[in-house]
Amino acid sequence: MIADDAQGSPQTVILSGTGMAVVPALSLSPPVPSFPATTQGASSPPQTLTAFNAGNAPLHVSSISLSGSNASQFSASNNCTAPLAPAASCSISLVFSPTASGQSAANLVIADDAPGSPQTISLGATANPAFSVAAASGSSTTASISAGQSAQYQLQLTPATDFTGTIGLTCSGAPLGAVCQVPANVSLANGAAATFTVTVTTSGPAFMPPLTPLRVPPILKQPLFVPLALAPFLSLLVFFAKKYSLFERAAPRNRQAFCMALSVGVFCATFGLTGCGGGSAAITPPPPPLVTPSGSSTITISFSATSSSGQPLQLQPVQLTLIVK
């Protein structure tokens, strides 16, 4: 309002304006990073986000971190340590290093003193398998054999373009009486395929050892053994029959000696006939050999490997079918 001596005093002028708070503001460019498809065990090129202070007060970034179920598949680094003046910027570098194939998702979390803190940016990326597994040319993932035979499977590993490493192999699921064998490891490099053999050996008639015959004491095989063993006993009986009257008239000491000699003869004859005192005891035959039962079994081949940074990869096993007739 202006008071003066002019006509119409005081004059009034209407004023208007907008008040702005003195606050920082975070802006990212691009708003969401885009990762190329990356081979399992390798790393993507770094994806850079630029963080701007779009406010009118200094911006203080307190932390930048990753969260979510697949956060370990990503890594982040930044140079946003000093306060950002209005219109100033810093950089955040993101790398996708998958240890599992398929889709991965995580969140980039930025904590600061701007309104809406912490800011959360969704990350998504796709990982290709480190290698593929298939039956080699002319082979199959199914084998049908008889108990006692061996089944062989020829498998081929074909690495992805960016994968180089050593693949560990283990085999499980062999049926009763069967053994599964695989190489300890297979090396993959320069995109070249590698072939290995899985062998499952079953138990059956072809591998049954001969039964161990019962051992008979050699002396029992002699035709004269029985008469010789009984000779002392028979002689004493004849002597006793002829000399019965003498035995009755003999002194007690002589009769005791005669009875002891007769007892010894009977004892030796009895144990000689049973194989004791020089023969060998009969051996119990071994139990019958184990035979792999007929039916279908699933043989599982598991793989193990590590990424270039030493992290274990999550690899899918392959399953083979074994049919025992």
C-alpha atoms as a PDB file:
ATOM      1  CA  MET A   1       0.000   0.000   0.000  1.00  0.00           C
ATOM      2  CA  ILE A   2       1.365   3.417  -1.053  1.00  0.00           C
ATOM      3  CA  ALA A   3       0.037   6.551   0.751  1.00  0.00           C
ATOM      4  CA  ASP A   4       0.552   9.836  -1.108  1.00  0.00           C
ATOM      5  CA  ASP A   5      -1.195  13.132  -2.080  1.00  0.00           C
ATOM      6  CA  ALA A   6      -2.289  11.843  -5.427  1.00  0.00           C
ATOM      7  CA  GLN A   7      -5.886  11.162  -6.202  1.00  0.00           C
ATOM      8  CA  GLY A   8      -6.993   7.719  -5.047  1.00  0.00           C
ATOM      9  CA  SER A   9      -4.395   7.481  -2.302  1.00  0.00           C
ATOM     10  CA  PRO A  10      -3.464   5.073  -0.937  1.00  0.00           C
ATOM     11  CA  GLN A  11      -2.694   2.944  -3.975  1.00  0.00           C
ATOM     12  CA  THR A  12      -2.664  -0.846  -3.469  1.00  0.00           C
ATOM     13  CA  VAL A  13      -0.502  -3.330  -5.397  1.00  0.00           C
ATOM     14  CA  ILE A  14      -1.141  -7.056  -5.033  1.00  0.00           C
ATOM     15  CA  LEU A  15       2.053  -9.147  -4.509  1.00  0.00           C
ATOM     16  CA  SER A  16       2.365 -12.971  -4.866  1.00  0.00           C
ATOM     17  CA  GLY A  17       5.218 -15.493  -4.731  1.00  0.00           C
ATOM     18  CA  THR A  18       6.143 -19.113  -4.031  1.00  0.00           C
ATOM     19  CA  GLY A  19       8.359 -20.138  -1.156  1.00  0.00           C
ATOM     20  CA  MET A  20      10.870 -22.969  -1.745  1.00  0.00           C
ATOM     21  CA  ALA A  21      12.209 -25.186   1.043  1.00  0.00           C
ATOM     22  CA  VAL A  22      15.959 -25.456   1.298  1.00  0.00           C
ATOM     23  CA  VAL A  23      16.331 -29.251   0.884  1.00  0.00           C
ATOM     24  CA  PRO A  24      18.459 -31.682  -1.158  1.00  0.00           C
ATOM     25  CA  ALA A  25      16.914 -34.012  -3.763  1.00  0.00           C
ATOM     26  CA  LEU A  26      18.307 -37.212  -5.316  1.00  0.00           C
ATOM     27  CA  SER A  27      17.918 -37.972  -9.010  1.00  0.00           C
ATOM     28  CA  LEU A  28      19.372 -40.989 -10.891  1.00  0.00           C
ATOM     29  CA  SER A  29      20.288 -41.335 -14.541  1.00  0.00           C
ATOM     30  CA  PRO A  30      19.295 -43.744 -15.960  1.00  0.00           C
ATOM     31  CA  PRO A  31      16.493 -44.366 -13.475  1.00  0.00           C
ATOM     32  CA  VAL A  32      16.943 -48.176 -13.782  1.00  0.00           C
ATOM     33  CA  PRO A  33      20.118 -49.954 -15.011  1.00  0.00           C
ATOM     34  CA  SER A  34      19.926 -52.546 -17.801  1.00  0.00           C
ATOM     35  CA  PHE A  35      22.184 -55.627 -17.672  1.00  0.00           C
ATOM     36  CA  PRO A  36      22.974 -57.772 -20.712  1.00  0.00           C
ATOM     37  CA  ALA A  37      22.415 -61.536 -20.503  1.00  0.00           C
ATOM     38  CA  THR A  38      25.472 -62.919 -18.696  1.00  0.00           C
ATOM     39  CA  THR A  39      26.967 -66.419 -18.597  1.00  0.00           C
ATOM     40  CA  GLN A  40      26.798 -68.193 -15.260  1.00  0.00           C
ATOM     41  CA  GLY A  41      30.192 -67.897 -13.575  1.00  0.00           C
ATOM     42  CA  ALA A  42      31.187 -64.792 -15.567  1.00  0.00           C
ATOM     43  CA  SER A  43      30.563 -61.070 -14.903  1.00  0.00           C
ATOM     44  CA  SER A  44      28.717 -58.430 -16.876  1.00  0.00           C
ATOM     45  CA  PRO A  45      30.305 -55.130 -17.932  1.00  0.00           C
ATOM     46  CA  PRO A  46      29.830 -52.486 -15.209  1.00  0.00           C
ATOM     47  CA  GLN A  47      26.588 -50.552 -15.440  1.00  0.00           C
ATOM     48  CA  THR A  48      26.943 -46.950 -14.211  1.00  0.00           C
ATOM     49  CA  LEU A  49      24.261 -44.870 -12.502  1.00  0.00           C
ATOM     50  CA  THR A  50      24.796 -41.138 -12.060  1.00  0.00           C
ATOM     51  CA  ALA A  51      23.373 -39.683  -8.860  1.00  0.00           C
ATOM     52  CA  PHE A  52      22.470 -35.930  -9.079  1.00  0.00           C
ATOM     53  CA  ASN A  53      21.609 -33.508  -6.322  1.00  0.00           C
ATOM     54  CA  ALA A  54      18.540 -31.854  -7.846  1.00  0.00           C
ATOM     55  CA  GLY A  55      17.792 -29.885  -4.672  1.00  0.00           C
ATOM     56  CA  ASN A  56      18.988 -26.553  -3.329  1.00  0.00           C
ATOM     57  CA  ALA A  57      20.886 -27.821  -0.303  1.00  0.00           C
ATOM     58  CA  PRO A  58      23.864 -30.166   0.071  1.00  0.00           C
ATOM     59  CA  LEU A  59      23.035 -33.879  -0.266  1.00  0.00           C
ATOM     60  CA  HIS A  60      24.658 -36.374   2.124  1.00  0.00           C
ATOM     61  CA  VAL A  61      24.665 -40.046   1.059  1.00  0.00           C
ATOM     62  CA  SER A  62      25.114 -42.250   4.126  1.00  0.00           C
ATOM     63  CA  SER A  63      25.090 -45.739   2.519  1.00  0.00           C
ATOM     64  CA  ILE A  64      24.543 -47.610  -0.743  1.00  0.00           C
ATOM     65  CA  SER A  65      23.705 -51.309  -0.408  1.00  0.00           C
ATOM     66  CA  LEU A  66      22.012 -54.276  -2.086  1.00  0.00           C
ATOM     67  CA  SER A  67      19.072 -56.264  -0.754  1.00  0.00           C
ATOM     68  CA  GLY A  68      16.691 -58.974  -1.933  1.00  0.00           C
ATOM     69  CA  SER A  69      16.783 -62.742  -2.485  1.00  0.00           C
ATOM     70  CA  ASN A  70      19.390 -62.509  -5.280  1.00  0.00           C
ATOM     71  CA  ALA A  71      21.485 -59.692  -3.825  1.00  0.00           C
ATOM     72  CA  SER A  72      24.591 -61.921  -3.860  1.00  0.00           C
ATOM     73  CA  GLN A  73      24.380 -62.076  -7.668  1.00  0.00           C
ATOM     74  CA  PHE A  74      25.151 -58.320  -7.885  1.00  0.00           C
ATOM     75  CA  SER A  75      27.890 -56.062  -6.574  1.00  0.00           C
ATOM     76  CA  ALA A  76      27.979 -52.270  -6.178  1.00  0.00           C
ATOM     77  CA  SER A  77      30.684 -49.658  -5.715  1.00  0.00           C
ATOM     78  CA  ASN A  78      30.466 -45.867  -5.618  1.00  0.00           C
ATOM     79  CA  ASN A  79      32.320 -42.615  -5.051  1.00  0.00           C
ATOM     80  CA  CYS A  80      29.458 -40.871  -3.285  1.00  0.00           C
ATOM     81  CA  THR A  81      31.386 -40.202  -0.089  1.00  0.00           C
ATOM     82  CA  ALA A  82      31.510 -36.392   0.051  1.00  0.00           C
ATOM     83  CA  PRO A  83      28.422 -34.128   0.356  1.00  0.00           C
ATOM     84  CA  LEU A  84      26.949 -33.230  -3.039  1.00  0.00           C
ATOM     85  CA  ALA A  85      26.296 -29.552  -3.623  1.00  0.00           C
ATOM     86  CA  PRO A  86      23.195 -28.593  -5.634  1.00  0.00           C
ATOM     87  CA  ALA A  87      23.589 -29.802  -9.258  1.00  0.00           C
ATOM     88  CA  ALA A  88      26.653 -31.889  -8.314  1.00  0.00           C
ATOM     89  CA  SER A  89      26.808 -35.656  -9.029  1.00  0.00           C
ATOM     90  CA  CYS A  90      28.564 -38.933  -8.161  1.00  0.00           C
ATOM     91  CA  SER A  91      28.698 -42.412  -9.757  1.00  0.00           C
ATOM     92  CA  ILE A  92      27.414 -45.848  -8.726  1.00  0.00           C
ATOM     93  CA  SER A  93      28.844 -48.892 -10.575  1.00  0.00           C
ATOM     94  CA  LEU A  94      26.847 -52.146 -10.671  1.00  0.00           C
ATOM     95  CA  VAL A  95      28.077 -55.564 -11.850  1.00  0.00           C
ATOM     96  CA  PHE A  96      26.004 -58.729 -12.394  1.00  0.00           C
ATOM     97  CA  SER A  97      28.003 -61.894 -11.504  1.00  0.00           C
ATOM     98  CA  PRO A  98      25.529 -64.799 -11.538  1.00  0.00           C
ATOM     99  CA  THR A  99      26.245 -68.108  -9.852  1.00  0.00           C
ATOM    100  CA  ALA A 100      22.818 -69.467 -10.812  1.00  0.00           C
ATOM    101  CA  SER A 101      21.177 -69.566 -14.231  1.00  0.00           C
ATOM    102  CA  GLY A 102      17.854 -67.895 -14.996  1.00  0.00           C
ATOM    103  CA  GLN A 103      16.321 -64.662 -13.743  1.00  0.00           C
ATOM    104  CA  SER A 104      17.814 -62.729 -10.814  1.00  0.00           C
ATOM    105  CA  ALA A 105      16.297 -59.761  -9.000  1.00  0.00           C
ATOM    106  CA  ALA A 106      17.597 -57.471  -6.247  1.00  0.00           C
ATOM    107  CA  ASN A 107      17.239 -53.917  -4.919  1.00  0.00           C
ATOM    108  CA  LEU A 108      19.739 -51.071  -4.833  1.00  0.00           C
ATOM    109  CA  VAL A 109      19.099 -49.126  -1.622  1.00  0.00           C
ATOM    110  CA  ILE A 110      20.429 -45.541  -1.211  1.00  0.00           C
ATOM    111  CA  ALA A 111      20.179 -43.942   2.214  1.00  0.00           C
ATOM    112  CA  ASP A 112      20.619 -40.111   2.358  1.00  0.00           C
ATOM    113  CA  ASP A 113      19.132 -36.957   3.853  1.00  0.00           C
ATOM    114  CA  ALA A 114      16.840 -36.211   0.893  1.00  0.00           C
ATOM    115  CA  PRO A 115      13.046 -36.554   1.214  1.00  0.00           C
ATOM    116  CA  GLY A 116      11.837 -40.132   0.637  1.00  0.00           C
ATOM    117  CA  SER A 117      15.043 -41.733   1.892  1.00  0.00           C
ATOM    118  CA  PRO A 118      15.954 -44.527   1.525  1.00  0.00           C
ATOM    119  CA  GLN A 119      15.475 -44.625  -2.240  1.00  0.00           C
ATOM    120  CA  THR A 120      15.038 -48.154  -3.687  1.00  0.00           C
ATOM    121  CA  ILE A 121      15.844 -49.071  -7.305  1.00  0.00           C
ATOM    122  CA  SER A 122      14.808 -52.493  -8.650  1.00  0.00           C
ATOM    123  CA  LEU A 123      17.489 -54.519 -10.443  1.00  0.00           C
ATOM    124  CA  GLY A 124      16.830 -57.414 -12.806  1.00  0.00           C
ATOM    125  CA  ALA A 125      19.095 -59.575 -14.992  1.00  0.00           C
ATOM    126  CA  THR A 126      19.215 -62.911 -16.835  1.00  0.00           C
ATOM    127  CA  ALA A 127      21.979 -65.536 -16.592  1.00  0.00           C
ATOM    128  CA  ASN A 128      22.691 -68.206 -19.195  1.00  0.00           C
ATOM    129  CA  PRO A 129      23.841 -71.678 -17.994  1.00  0.00           C
ATOM    130  CA  ALA A 130      27.609 -72.178 -17.836  1.00  0.00           C
ATOM    131  CA  PHE A 131      27.271 -75.272 -20.030  1.00  0.00           C
ATOM    132  CA  SER A 132      24.692 -77.605 -21.509  1.00  0.00           C
ATOM    133  CA  VAL A 133      24.559 -81.400 -21.070  1.00  0.00           C
ATOM    134  CA  ALA A 134      23.303 -83.896 -23.642  1.00  0.00           C
ATOM    135  CA  ALA A 135      23.910 -87.443 -24.824  1.00  0.00           C
ATOM    136  CA  ALA A 136      26.844 -87.620 -27.235  1.00  0.00           C
ATOM    137  CA  SER A 137      26.216 -88.531 -30.838  1.00  0.00           C
ATOM    138  CA  GLY A 138      25.198 -92.186 -31.078  1.00  0.00           C
ATOM    139  CA  SER A 139      24.536 -92.505 -27.359  1.00  0.00           C
ATOM    140  CA  SER A 140      21.422 -92.252 -25.187  1.00  0.00           C
ATOM    141  CA  THR A 141      20.412 -91.311 -21.661  1.00  0.00           C
ATOM    142  CA  THR A 142      18.607 -94.678 -21.290  1.00  0.00           C
ATOM    143  CA  ALA A 143      20.225 -98.124 -21.130  1.00  0.00           C
ATOM    144  CA  SER A 144      18.673-101.592 -20.776  1.00  0.00           C
ATOM    145  CA  ILE A 145      20.855-104.493 -19.587  1.00  0.00           C
ATOM    146  CA  SER A 146      20.694-107.853 -17.802  1.00  0.00           C
ATOM    147  CA  ALA A 147      21.886-108.313 -14.228  1.00  0.00           C
ATOM    148  CA  GLY A 148      25.658-108.821 -14.246  1.00  0.00           C
ATOM    149  CA  GLN A 149      26.251-106.561 -17.251  1.00  0.00           C
ATOM    150  CA  SER A 150      27.556-102.966 -17.443  1.00  0.00           C
ATOM    151  CA  ALA A 151      25.745 -99.973 -18.939  1.00  0.00           C
ATOM    152  CA  GLN A 152      27.647 -97.067 -20.496  1.00  0.00           C
ATOM    153  CA  TYR A 153      26.398 -93.569 -21.264  1.00  0.00           C
ATOM    154  CA  GLN A 154      28.366 -91.086 -23.370  1.00  0.00           C
ATOM    155  CA  LEU A 155      27.588 -87.521 -22.265  1.00  0.00           C
ATOM    156  CA  GLN A 156      28.794 -84.246 -23.764  1.00  0.00           C
ATOM    157  CA  LEU A 157      29.325 -80.915 -21.991  1.00  0.00           C
ATOM    158  CA  THR A 158      29.171 -77.827 -24.217  1.00  0.00           C
ATOM    159  CA  PRO A 159      30.357 -74.629 -22.492  1.00  0.00           C
ATOM    160  CA  ALA A 160      28.801 -71.211 -23.010  1.00  0.00           C
ATOM    161  CA  THR A 161      30.889 -68.631 -24.851  1.00  0.00           C
ATOM    162  CA  ASP A 162      32.313 -66.938 -21.752  1.00  0.00           C
ATOM    163  CA  PHE A 163      32.819 -69.989 -19.545  1.00  0.00           C
ATOM    164  CA  THR A 164      36.159 -71.670 -18.824  1.00  0.00           C
ATOM    165  CA  GLY A 165      36.723 -73.974 -15.872  1.00  0.00           C
ATOM    166  CA  THR A 166      36.889 -77.451 -14.371  1.00  0.00           C
ATOM    167  CA  ILE A 167      33.658 -79.354 -13.718  1.00  0.00           C
ATOM    168  CA  GLY A 168      33.587 -81.885 -10.882  1.00  0.00           C
ATOM    169  CA  LEU A 169      31.422 -84.994 -11.367  1.00  0.00           C
ATOM    170  CA  THR A 170      29.651 -87.319  -8.927  1.00  0.00           C
ATOM    171  CA  CYS A 171      27.227 -90.185  -9.547  1.00  0.00           C
ATOM    172  CA  SER A 172      24.372 -91.444  -7.346  1.00  0.00           C
ATOM    173  CA  GLY A 173      21.225 -93.552  -7.570  1.00  0.00           C
ATOM    174  CA  ALA A 174      22.774 -96.892  -8.578  1.00  0.00           C
ATOM    175  CA  PRO A 175      20.481 -99.821  -7.658  1.00  0.00           C
ATOM    176  CA  LEU A 176      21.285-102.565  -5.146  1.00  0.00           C
ATOM    177  CA  GLY A 177      24.469-104.431  -6.024  1.00  0.00           C
ATOM    178  CA  ALA A 178      25.480-101.903  -8.711  1.00  0.00           C
ATOM    179  CA  VAL A 179      28.333 -99.392  -8.853  1.00  0.00           C
ATOM    180  CA  CYS A 180      28.355 -96.117 -10.805  1.00  0.00           C
ATOM    181  CA  GLN A 181      31.636 -94.645 -12.038  1.00  0.00           C
ATOM    182  CA  VAL A 182      32.381 -91.220 -13.589  1.00  0.00           C
ATOM    183  CA  PRO A 183      35.591 -89.216 -14.102  1.00  0.00           C
ATOM    184  CA  ALA A 184      36.559 -86.996 -11.181  1.00  0.00           C
ATOM    185  CA  ASN A 185      36.379 -83.883 -13.354  1.00  0.00           C
ATOM    186  CA  VAL A 186      36.146 -82.531 -16.902  1.00  0.00           C
ATOM    187  CA  SER A 187      37.850 -79.361 -18.170  1.00  0.00           C
ATOM    188  CA  LEU A 188      36.048 -76.876 -20.413  1.00  0.00           C
ATOM    189  CA  ALA A 189      37.802 -74.089 -22.317  1.00  0.00           C
ATOM    190  CA  ASN A 190      37.531 -71.950 -25.446  1.00  0.00           C
ATOM    191  CA  GLY A 191      33.973 -73.041 -26.170  1.00  0.00           C
ATOM    192  CA  ALA A 192      35.075 -76.606 -27.033  1.00  0.00           C
ATOM    193  CA  ALA A 193      32.758 -79.471 -26.035  1.00  0.00           C
ATOM    194  CA  ALA A 194      34.058 -82.294 -23.816  1.00  0.00           C
ATOM    195  CA  THR A 195      32.786 -85.889 -23.683  1.00  0.00           C
ATOM    196  CA  PHE A 196      32.872 -88.246 -20.702  1.00  0.00           C
ATOM    197  CA  THR A 197      31.585 -91.754 -19.945  1.00  0.00           C
ATOM    198  CA  VAL A 198      29.276 -92.911 -17.166  1.00  0.00           C
ATOM    199  CA  THR A 199      29.576 -96.636 -16.366  1.00  0.00           C
ATOM    200  CA  VAL A 200      27.084 -98.512 -14.179  1.00  0.00           C
ATOM    201  CA  THR A 201      28.200-102.073 -13.342  1.00  0.00           C
ATOM    202  CA  THR A 202      25.542-104.436 -11.970  1.00  0.00           C
ATOM    203  CA  SER A 203      25.891-107.736 -10.086  1.00  0.00           C
ATOM    204  CA  GLY A 204      24.538-110.986 -11.462  1.00  0.00           C
ATOM    205  CA  PRO A 205      25.350-114.497 -12.698  1.00  0.00           C
ATOM    206  CA  ALA A 206      28.216-113.274 -14.847  1.00  0.00           C
ATOM    207  CA  PHE A 207      30.058-112.120 -11.720  1.00  0.00           C
ATOM    208  CA  MET A 208      29.142-114.930  -9.304  1.00  0.00           C
ATOM    209  CA  PRO A 209      32.264-116.599  -7.828  1.00  0.00           C
ATOM    210  CA  PRO A 210      32.236-120.426  -7.709  1.00  0.00           C
ATOM    211  CA  LEU A 211      30.943-121.954  -4.514  1.00  0.00           C
ATOM    212  CA  THR A 212      33.682-123.138  -2.133  1.00  0.00           C
ATOM    213  CA  PRO A 213      33.390-126.933  -1.708  1.00  0.00           C
ATOM    214  CA  LEU A 214      33.331-128.430   1.732  1.00  0.00           C
ATOM    215  CA  ARG A 215      36.750-129.646   2.851  1.00  0.00           C
ATOM    216  CA  VAL A 216      36.928-133.263   3.896  1.00  0.00           C
ATOM    217  CA  PRO A 217      39.818-134.329   6.178  1.00  0.00           C
ATOM    218  CA  PRO A 218      42.328-136.128   3.957  1.00  0.00           C
ATOM    219  CA  ILE A 219      42.614-139.044   6.323  1.00  0.00           C
ATOM    220  CA  LEU A 220      38.907-139.799   5.987  1.00  0.00           C
ATOM    221  CA  LYS A 221      39.400-140.346   2.269  1.00  0.00           C
ATOM    222  CA  GLN A 222      41.789-143.290   2.838  1.00  0.00           C
ATOM    223  CA  PRO A 223      40.059-146.674   2.354  1.00  0.00           C
ATOM    224  CA  LEU A 224      41.980-148.289   5.227  1.00  0.00           C
ATOM    225  CA  PHE A 225      41.199-145.502   7.735  1.00  0.00           C
ATOM    226  CA  VAL A 226      38.116-147.122   9.303  1.00  0.00           C
ATOM    227  CA  PRO A 227      39.684-150.573   9.854  1.00  0.00           C
ATOM    228  CA  LEU A 228      42.858-148.983  11.235  1.00  0.00           C
ATOM    229  CA  ALA A 229      40.904-146.713  13.573  1.00  0.00           C
ATOM    230  CA  LEU A 230      38.821-149.615  14.886  1.00  0.00           C
ATOM    231  CA  ALA A 231      41.668-152.126  15.109  1.00  0.00           C
ATOM    232  CA  PRO A 232      42.754-151.306  18.697  1.00  0.00           C
ATOM    233  CA  PHE A 233      39.169-151.340  19.905  1.00  0.00           C
ATOM    234  CA  LEU A 234      38.392-154.694  18.193  1.00  0.00           C
ATOM    235  CA  SER A 235      41.628-156.254  19.453  1.00  0.00           C
ATOM    236  CA  LEU A 236      40.821-155.319  23.033  1.00  0.00           C
ATOM    237  CA  LEU A 237      37.334-156.809  22.682  1.00  0.00           C
ATOM    238  CA  VAL A 238      38.768-160.106  21.365  1.00  0.00           C
ATOM    239  CA  PHE A 239      41.352-160.171  24.105  1.00  0.00           C
ATOM    240  CA  PHE A 240      38.695-159.504  26.708  1.00  0.00           C
ATOM    241  CA  ALA A 241      36.463-162.293  25.343  1.00  0.00           C
ATOM    242  CA  LYS A 242      39.290-164.899  25.378  1.00  0.00           C
ATOM    243  CA  LYS A 243      40.754-163.908  28.698  1.00  0.00           C
ATOM    244  CA  TYR A 244      37.588-163.212  30.642  1.00  0.00           C
ATOM    245  CA  SER A 245      38.462-165.767  33.272  1.00  0.00           C
ATOM    246  CA  LEU A 246      41.957-164.293  33.550  1.00  0.00           C
ATOM    247  CA  PHE A 247      40.418-160.818  33.973  1.00  0.00           C
ATOM    248  CA  GLU A 248      38.267-162.034  36.801  1.00  0.00           C
ATOM    249  CA  ARG A 249      41.263-163.593  38.534  1.00  0.00           C
ATOM    250  CA  ALA A 250      43.599-160.689  37.903  1.00  0.00           C
ATOM    251  CA  ALA A 251      44.631-158.284  40.600  1.00  0.00           C
ATOM    252  CA  PRO A 252      42.574-155.108  40.921  1.00  0.00           C
ATOM    253  CA  ARG A 253      45.492-152.983  39.698  1.00  0.00           C
ATOM    254  CA  ASN A 254      45.784-155.045  36.487  1.00  0.00           C
ATOM    255  CA  ARG A 255      42.033-154.845  35.888  1.00  0.00           C
ATOM    256  CA  GLN A 256      42.141-151.031  36.205  1.00  0.00           C
ATOM    257  CA  ALA A 257      44.984-150.826  33.663  1.00  0.00           C
ATOM    258  CA  PHE A 258      43.043-153.025  31.266  1.00  0.00           C
ATOM    259  CA  CYS A 259      39.904-150.845  31.528  1.00  0.00           C
ATOM    260  CA  MET A 260      41.950-147.675  30.996  1.00  0.00           C
ATOM    261  CA  ALA A 261      43.538-149.117  27.849  1.00  0.00           C
ATOM    262  CA  LEU A 262      40.111-150.112  26.548  1.00  0.00           C
ATOM    263  CA  SER A 263      38.765-146.583  27.204  1.00  0.00           C
ATOM    264  CA  VAL A 264      41.699-144.957  25.398  1.00  0.00           C
ATOM    265  CA  GLY A 265      41.137-147.191  22.384  1.00  0.00           C
ATOM    266  CA  VAL A 266      37.456-146.301  22.176  1.00  0.00           C
ATOM    267  CA  PHE A 267      38.245-142.564  22.622  1.00  0.00           C
ATOM    268  CA  CYS A 268      40.850-142.532  19.805  1.00  0.00           C
ATOM    269  CA  ALA A 269      38.649-144.496  17.446  1.00  0.00           C
ATOM    270  CA  THR A 270      35.677-142.201  18.043  1.00  0.00           C
ATOM    271  CA  PHE A 271      37.583-138.910  17.505  1.00  0.00           C
ATOM    272  CA  GLY A 272      39.476-140.316  14.566  1.00  0.00           C
ATOM    273  CA  LEU A 273      36.192-141.077  12.797  1.00  0.00           C
ATOM    274  CA  THR A 274      34.836-137.552  13.437  1.00  0.00           C
ATOM    275  CA  GLY A 275      37.903-135.864  11.989  1.00  0.00           C
ATOM    276  CA  CYS A 276      39.253-134.516  15.274  1.00  0.00           C
ATOM    277  CA  GLY A 277      42.868-134.932  16.243  1.00  0.00           C
ATOM    278  CA  GLY A 278      44.384-134.477  12.793  1.00  0.00           C
ATOM    279  CA  GLY A 279      41.513-133.666  10.393  1.00  0.00           C
ATOM    280  CA  SER A 280      39.976-130.242   9.664  1.00  0.00           C
ATOM    281  CA  ALA A 281      36.444-129.074  10.454  1.00  0.00           C
ATOM    282  CA  ALA A 282      33.924-128.607   7.679  1.00  0.00           C
ATOM    283  CA  ILE A 283      33.625-124.991   6.375  1.00  0.00           C
ATOM    284  CA  THR A 284      30.251-123.288   6.133  1.00  0.00           C
ATOM    285  CA  PRO A 285      29.665-122.268   2.499  1.00  0.00           C
ATOM    286  CA  PRO A 286      29.556-118.483   1.840  1.00  0.00           C
ATOM    287  CA  PRO A 287      26.217-116.756   1.339  1.00  0.00           C
ATOM    288  CA  PRO A 288      25.001-116.501  -2.260  1.00  0.00           C
ATOM    289  CA  PRO A 289      26.374-113.472  -4.171  1.00  0.00           C
ATOM    290  CA  LEU A 290      24.266-110.290  -4.378  1.00  0.00           C
ATOM    291  CA  VAL A 291      22.281-109.901  -7.607  1.00  0.00           C
ATOM    292  CA  THR A 292      21.022-106.523  -8.851  1.00  0.00           C
ATOM    293  CA  PRO A 293      17.211-106.747  -8.905  1.00  0.00           C
ATOM    294  CA  SER A 294      15.299-106.120 -12.099  1.00  0.00           C
ATOM    295  CA  GLY A 295      13.519-102.798 -12.571  1.00  0.00           C
ATOM    296  CA  SER A 296      14.123 -99.190 -13.546  1.00  0.00           C
ATOM    297  CA  SER A 297      16.481 -96.833 -11.696  1.00  0.00           C
ATOM    298  CA  THR A 298      17.312 -93.151 -12.056  1.00  0.00           C
ATOM    299  CA  ILE A 299      21.034 -92.416 -12.136  1.00  0.00           C
ATOM    300  CA  THR A 300      21.838 -88.811 -11.184  1.00  0.00           C
ATOM    301  CA  ILE A 301      25.012 -87.094 -12.393  1.00  0.00           C
ATOM    302  CA  SER A 302      25.776 -83.986 -10.307  1.00  0.00           C
ATOM    303  CA  PHE A 303      28.178 -81.212 -11.279  1.00  0.00           C
ATOM    304  CA  SER A 304      30.267 -78.756  -9.266  1.00  0.00           C
ATOM    305  CA  ALA A 305      32.297 -75.713 -10.352  1.00  0.00           C
ATOM    306  CA  THR A 306      33.284 -72.248  -9.166  1.00  0.00           C
ATOM    307  CA  SER A 307      33.114 -68.805 -10.731  1.00  0.00           C
ATOM    308  CA  SER A 308      36.164 -66.718 -11.599  1.00  0.00           C
ATOM    309  CA  SER A 309      35.884 -65.160  -8.123  1.00  0.00           C
ATOM    310  CA  GLY A 310      35.787 -68.562  -6.402  1.00  0.00           C
ATOM    311  CA  GLN A 311      32.056 -68.674  -5.687  1.00  0.00           C
ATOM    312  CA  PRO A 312      30.350 -72.104  -6.073  1.00  0.00           C
ATOM    313  CA  LEU A 313      27.977 -72.307  -9.021  1.00  0.00           C
ATOM    314  CA  GLN A 314      24.458 -73.683  -8.733  1.00  0.00           C
ATOM    315  CA  LEU A 315      24.431 -76.328 -11.473  1.00  0.00           C
ATOM    316  CA  GLN A 316      21.520 -78.508 -12.526  1.00  0.00           C
ATOM    317  CA  PRO A 317      22.147 -82.297 -12.436  1.00  0.00           C
ATOM    318  CA  VAL A 318      21.337 -84.610 -15.331  1.00  0.00           C
ATOM    319  CA  GLN A 319      19.366 -87.829 -14.898  1.00  0.00           C
ATOM    320  CA  LEU A 320      19.914 -91.135 -16.704  1.00  0.00           C
ATOM    321  CA  THR A 321      17.627 -94.158 -16.838  1.00  0.00           C
ATOM    322  CA  LEU A 322      18.913 -97.694 -16.121  1.00  0.00           C
ATOM    323  CA  ILE A 323      16.661-100.686 -16.832  1.00  0.00           C
ATOM    324  CA  VAL A 324      17.761-104.054 -15.430  1.00  0.00           C
ATOM    325  CA  LYS A 325      15.964-107.008 -16.988  1.00  0.00           C
END
